[in-house]
Amino acid sequence: MTVVGAVKLVGAAARKARGAKLQIQLRAMPLFGLPRSGPLHALGTKKSGSAQDTFTGLSADSWAGIMSWRFKKGSRTVASGVERSQPGRAGKARPSPRSRAR
């Protein structure tokens, strides 16, 4: 499963985060069980950015992608959030002919 996420600040939030470093972390969240986290992506001092991680060995249709993002100035977080990532796919795109026949 590939989890993809993008962040873009505008208006007052963008002015507040000027000069802050953007960091994004992507997670695969299961229906039941523990999540799998990817590495923290440091994207530099930008107002927008995107990242993606691929998680292998996940069963189809039981996982969702979550993106955590934050803008940091030194040790202080000036803006942060958690969003559902853009839709991804796990497993086959269509059922095989054998599974439909049963």
N, C-alpha and C. Protein backbone atom coordinates (compact mmCIF):
# COMPACT_ATOMS: atom_id res chain seq x y z
N MET A 1 0.85 -1.17 0.00
CA MET A 1 0.00 0.00 0.00
C MET A 1 0.89 1.24 0.00
N THR A 2 0.57 2.18 -0.84
CA THR A 2 1.31 3.44 -0.88
C THR A 2 0.46 4.53 -0.25
N VAL A 3 1.02 5.23 0.71
CA VAL A 3 0.34 6.33 1.38
C VAL A 3 0.97 7.62 0.89
N VAL A 4 0.13 8.54 0.41
CA VAL A 4 0.58 9.80 -0.16
C VAL A 4 -0.09 10.95 0.58
N GLY A 5 0.65 12.00 0.87
CA GLY A 5 0.06 13.15 1.53
C GLY A 5 0.71 14.45 1.07
N ALA A 6 -0.09 15.52 1.09
CA ALA A 6 0.41 16.84 0.70
C ALA A 6 -0.13 17.88 1.67
N VAL A 7 0.68 18.91 1.93
CA VAL A 7 0.33 20.00 2.84
C VAL A 7 0.62 21.32 2.14
N LYS A 8 -0.28 22.30 2.29
CA LYS A 8 -0.03 23.64 1.77
C LYS A 8 -0.70 24.64 2.71
N LEU A 9 0.09 25.54 3.25
CA LEU A 9 -0.43 26.59 4.12
C LEU A 9 -0.71 27.84 3.30
N VAL A 10 -1.79 28.55 3.64
CA VAL A 10 -2.12 29.81 2.98
C VAL A 10 -2.56 30.81 4.04
N GLY A 11 -2.55 32.08 3.68
CA GLY A 11 -3.05 33.13 4.55
C GLY A 11 -2.24 33.33 5.81
N ALA A 12 -2.95 33.54 6.93
CA ALA A 12 -2.30 33.82 8.21
C ALA A 12 -1.44 32.66 8.68
N ALA A 13 -1.87 31.43 8.41
CA ALA A 13 -1.08 30.27 8.82
C ALA A 13 0.26 30.24 8.11
N ALA A 14 0.28 30.63 6.83
CA ALA A 14 1.53 30.65 6.07
C ALA A 14 2.47 31.73 6.61
N ARG A 15 1.93 32.88 6.99
CA ARG A 15 2.78 33.93 7.55
C ARG A 15 3.36 33.50 8.89
N LYS A 16 2.54 32.83 9.69
CA LYS A 16 2.99 32.36 11.00
C LYS A 16 4.11 31.33 10.87
N ALA A 17 4.05 30.51 9.84
CA ALA A 17 5.03 29.43 9.65
C ALA A 17 6.22 29.84 8.79
N ARG A 18 6.34 31.12 8.45
CA ARG A 18 7.45 31.58 7.62
C ARG A 18 8.77 31.26 8.31
N GLY A 19 9.67 30.59 7.61
CA GLY A 19 10.97 30.22 8.16
C GLY A 19 10.97 28.93 8.97
N ALA A 20 9.80 28.31 9.15
CA ALA A 20 9.72 27.06 9.91
C ALA A 20 10.00 25.88 8.98
N LYS A 21 10.45 24.78 9.56
CA LYS A 21 10.76 23.58 8.79
C LYS A 21 9.55 22.65 8.77
N LEU A 22 9.19 22.19 7.57
CA LEU A 22 8.07 21.29 7.38
C LEU A 22 8.52 19.85 7.58
N GLN A 23 7.77 19.10 8.40
CA GLN A 23 8.03 17.67 8.63
C GLN A 23 6.73 16.91 8.43
N ILE A 24 6.80 15.79 7.71
CA ILE A 24 5.63 14.96 7.44
C ILE A 24 5.96 13.52 7.83
N GLN A 25 5.01 12.85 8.49
CA GLN A 25 5.14 11.42 8.79
C GLN A 25 3.87 10.73 8.33
N LEU A 26 4.02 9.64 7.59
CA LEU A 26 2.89 8.89 7.06
C LEU A 26 2.74 7.58 7.82
N ARG A 27 1.47 7.17 8.04
CA ARG A 27 1.19 5.93 8.77
C ARG A 27 0.14 5.13 8.02
N ALA A 28 0.22 3.82 8.13
CA ALA A 28 -0.84 2.93 7.67
C ALA A 28 -1.58 2.48 8.92
N MET A 29 -2.88 2.82 8.99
CA MET A 29 -3.70 2.51 10.16
C MET A 29 -4.60 1.31 9.85
N PRO A 30 -4.53 0.24 10.66
CA PRO A 30 -5.35 -0.94 10.41
C PRO A 30 -6.75 -0.79 11.00
N LEU A 31 -7.65 -1.61 10.51
CA LEU A 31 -8.98 -1.68 11.08
C LEU A 31 -8.89 -2.21 12.51
N PHE A 32 -8.06 -3.22 12.71
CA PHE A 32 -7.78 -3.78 14.04
C PHE A 32 -6.27 -3.95 14.16
N GLY A 33 -5.70 -3.66 15.30
CA GLY A 33 -4.27 -3.86 15.51
C GLY A 33 -3.51 -2.56 15.60
N LEU A 34 -2.19 -2.66 15.47
CA LEU A 34 -1.29 -1.53 15.64
C LEU A 34 -0.93 -0.89 14.31
N PRO A 35 -0.75 0.44 14.28
CA PRO A 35 -0.37 1.11 13.03
C PRO A 35 1.09 0.86 12.66
N ARG A 36 1.39 1.07 11.41
CA ARG A 36 2.78 1.04 10.93
C ARG A 36 3.15 2.46 10.54
N SER A 37 4.27 2.94 11.06
CA SER A 37 4.72 4.30 10.79
C SER A 37 5.91 4.30 9.85
N GLY A 38 5.93 5.27 8.97
CA GLY A 38 7.07 5.48 8.10
C GLY A 38 8.03 6.46 8.74
N PRO A 39 9.14 6.75 8.08
CA PRO A 39 10.11 7.70 8.64
C PRO A 39 9.56 9.13 8.60
N LEU A 40 10.14 10.00 9.40
CA LEU A 40 9.78 11.41 9.41
C LEU A 40 10.49 12.07 8.23
N HIS A 41 9.71 12.69 7.33
CA HIS A 41 10.28 13.36 6.16
C HIS A 41 10.47 14.83 6.50
N ALA A 42 11.71 15.30 6.46
CA ALA A 42 12.02 16.72 6.68
C ALA A 42 12.13 17.37 5.31
N LEU A 43 11.22 18.29 5.00
CA LEU A 43 11.14 18.88 3.67
C LEU A 43 11.73 20.28 3.57
N GLY A 44 12.32 20.78 4.64
CA GLY A 44 12.96 22.09 4.60
C GLY A 44 12.00 23.22 4.93
N THR A 45 12.43 24.45 4.66
CA THR A 45 11.64 25.63 4.99
C THR A 45 10.78 26.03 3.80
N LYS A 46 9.68 25.32 3.62
CA LYS A 46 8.74 25.60 2.55
C LYS A 46 7.34 25.74 3.15
N LYS A 47 6.45 26.40 2.44
CA LYS A 47 5.07 26.52 2.89
C LYS A 47 4.21 25.36 2.44
N SER A 48 4.74 24.52 1.55
CA SER A 48 3.99 23.37 1.06
C SER A 48 4.96 22.24 0.75
N GLY A 49 4.42 21.03 0.69
CA GLY A 49 5.25 19.89 0.36
C GLY A 49 4.43 18.62 0.33
N SER A 50 5.02 17.56 -0.19
CA SER A 50 4.34 16.27 -0.25
C SER A 50 5.36 15.16 0.00
N ALA A 51 4.83 14.01 0.40
CA ALA A 51 5.67 12.85 0.66
C ALA A 51 4.86 11.59 0.40
N GLN A 52 5.56 10.48 0.25
CA GLN A 52 4.89 9.19 0.11
C GLN A 52 5.75 8.10 0.71
N ASP A 53 5.08 7.07 1.22
CA ASP A 53 5.74 5.88 1.76
C ASP A 53 5.00 4.66 1.25
N THR A 54 5.73 3.58 1.03
CA THR A 54 5.12 2.32 0.61
C THR A 54 5.23 1.33 1.75
N PHE A 55 4.11 0.76 2.14
CA PHE A 55 4.05 -0.25 3.19
C PHE A 55 3.72 -1.57 2.53
N THR A 56 4.57 -2.59 2.72
CA THR A 56 4.38 -3.87 2.06
C THR A 56 3.75 -4.88 3.01
N GLY A 57 3.15 -5.92 2.44
CA GLY A 57 2.60 -7.02 3.22
C GLY A 57 1.30 -6.70 3.94
N LEU A 58 0.50 -5.77 3.42
CA LEU A 58 -0.75 -5.42 4.07
C LEU A 58 -1.92 -6.03 3.30
N SER A 59 -2.90 -6.56 4.02
CA SER A 59 -4.06 -7.17 3.36
C SER A 59 -4.95 -6.08 2.78
N ALA A 60 -5.66 -6.42 1.73
CA ALA A 60 -6.48 -5.45 1.01
C ALA A 60 -7.65 -4.95 1.83
N ASP A 61 -7.99 -3.67 1.65
CA ASP A 61 -9.19 -3.04 2.17
C ASP A 61 -9.34 -3.05 3.69
N SER A 62 -8.25 -3.21 4.44
CA SER A 62 -8.37 -3.13 5.90
C SER A 62 -7.42 -2.09 6.49
N TRP A 63 -6.87 -1.22 5.64
CA TRP A 63 -5.92 -0.20 6.09
C TRP A 63 -6.31 1.16 5.53
N ALA A 64 -6.00 2.21 6.26
CA ALA A 64 -6.20 3.58 5.80
C ALA A 64 -4.91 4.35 6.02
N GLY A 65 -4.65 5.32 5.18
CA GLY A 65 -3.44 6.13 5.29
C GLY A 65 -3.70 7.40 6.10
N ILE A 66 -2.79 7.72 7.01
CA ILE A 66 -2.88 8.91 7.86
C ILE A 66 -1.58 9.71 7.70
N MET A 67 -1.71 11.03 7.60
CA MET A 67 -0.55 11.90 7.48
C MET A 67 -0.52 12.87 8.67
N SER A 68 0.60 12.89 9.38
CA SER A 68 0.82 13.89 10.43
C SER A 68 1.83 14.89 9.91
N TRP A 69 1.56 16.18 10.08
CA TRP A 69 2.48 17.20 9.61
C TRP A 69 2.66 18.27 10.68
N ARG A 70 3.81 18.93 10.63
CA ARG A 70 4.09 20.03 11.56
C ARG A 70 5.14 20.96 10.97
N PHE A 71 5.02 22.23 11.36
CA PHE A 71 6.00 23.24 11.02
C PHE A 71 6.70 23.63 12.31
N LYS A 72 8.03 23.49 12.35
CA LYS A 72 8.80 23.76 13.57
C LYS A 72 9.81 24.87 13.36
N LYS A 73 9.87 25.76 14.35
CA LYS A 73 10.92 26.77 14.44
C LYS A 73 11.72 26.44 15.69
N GLY A 74 12.89 25.89 15.49
CA GLY A 74 13.69 25.43 16.63
C GLY A 74 12.97 24.29 17.34
N SER A 75 12.72 24.45 18.63
CA SER A 75 12.02 23.38 19.37
C SER A 75 10.51 23.65 19.46
N ARG A 76 10.05 24.76 18.88
CA ARG A 76 8.64 25.15 18.99
C ARG A 76 7.87 24.77 17.72
N THR A 77 6.71 24.13 17.89
CA THR A 77 5.83 23.80 16.77
C THR A 77 4.88 24.96 16.57
N VAL A 78 4.87 25.56 15.35
CA VAL A 78 4.02 26.71 15.08
C VAL A 78 2.71 26.34 14.39
N ALA A 79 2.66 25.18 13.74
CA ALA A 79 1.44 24.69 13.11
C ALA A 79 1.56 23.18 12.96
N SER A 80 0.46 22.46 13.17
CA SER A 80 0.49 21.01 13.01
C SER A 80 -0.91 20.50 12.72
N GLY A 81 -0.99 19.26 12.28
CA GLY A 81 -2.28 18.66 12.00
C GLY A 81 -2.15 17.20 11.64
N VAL A 82 -3.29 16.53 11.62
CA VAL A 82 -3.38 15.12 11.23
C VAL A 82 -4.50 15.04 10.19
N GLU A 83 -4.20 14.44 9.05
CA GLU A 83 -5.17 14.34 7.97
C GLU A 83 -5.18 12.91 7.44
N ARG A 84 -6.29 12.54 6.87
CA ARG A 84 -6.33 11.28 6.14
C ARG A 84 -5.63 11.52 4.81
N SER A 85 -4.80 10.57 4.42
CA SER A 85 -4.02 10.76 3.19
C SER A 85 -4.91 10.57 1.97
N GLN A 86 -4.32 10.85 0.83
CA GLN A 86 -5.04 10.62 -0.41
C GLN A 86 -5.26 9.12 -0.57
N PRO A 87 -6.34 8.71 -1.24
CA PRO A 87 -6.66 7.29 -1.32
C PRO A 87 -5.52 6.46 -1.90
N GLY A 88 -5.27 5.34 -1.30
CA GLY A 88 -4.28 4.38 -1.79
C GLY A 88 -4.94 3.03 -1.98
N ARG A 89 -4.23 2.08 -2.50
CA ARG A 89 -4.79 0.77 -2.76
C ARG A 89 -3.89 -0.29 -2.15
N ALA A 90 -4.49 -1.29 -1.56
CA ALA A 90 -3.74 -2.43 -1.05
C ALA A 90 -4.27 -3.68 -1.73
N GLY A 91 -3.40 -4.56 -2.14
CA GLY A 91 -3.86 -5.78 -2.79
C GLY A 91 -4.16 -5.55 -4.26
N LYS A 92 -4.95 -6.42 -4.82
CA LYS A 92 -5.29 -6.35 -6.24
C LYS A 92 -6.34 -5.28 -6.48
N ALA A 93 -6.30 -4.68 -7.66
CA ALA A 93 -7.28 -3.66 -8.02
C ALA A 93 -8.66 -4.27 -8.23
N ARG A 94 -8.72 -5.49 -8.78
CA ARG A 94 -9.98 -6.18 -9.01
C ARG A 94 -9.88 -7.60 -8.47
N PRO A 95 -10.98 -8.20 -8.06
CA PRO A 95 -10.92 -9.60 -7.64
C PRO A 95 -10.56 -10.48 -8.83
N SER A 96 -9.88 -11.55 -8.55
CA SER A 96 -9.53 -12.47 -9.63
C SER A 96 -10.78 -13.22 -10.09
N PRO A 97 -10.79 -13.75 -11.31
CA PRO A 97 -11.96 -14.49 -11.80
C PRO A 97 -12.31 -15.68 -10.91
N ARG A 98 -11.33 -16.31 -10.30
CA ARG A 98 -11.59 -17.45 -9.42
C ARG A 98 -12.41 -17.04 -8.20
N SER A 99 -12.07 -15.90 -7.59
CA SER A 99 -12.78 -15.50 -6.38
C SER A 99 -14.20 -15.03 -6.70
N ARG A 100 -14.45 -14.53 -7.90
CA ARG A 100 -15.81 -14.11 -8.27
C ARG A 100 -16.69 -15.32 -8.56
N ALA A 101 -16.12 -16.41 -9.04
CA ALA A 101 -16.89 -17.59 -9.41
C ALA A 101 -17.42 -18.33 -8.17
N ARG A 102 -16.80 -18.15 -7.02
CA ARG A 102 -17.21 -18.91 -5.83
C ARG A 102 -18.41 -18.38 -5.18
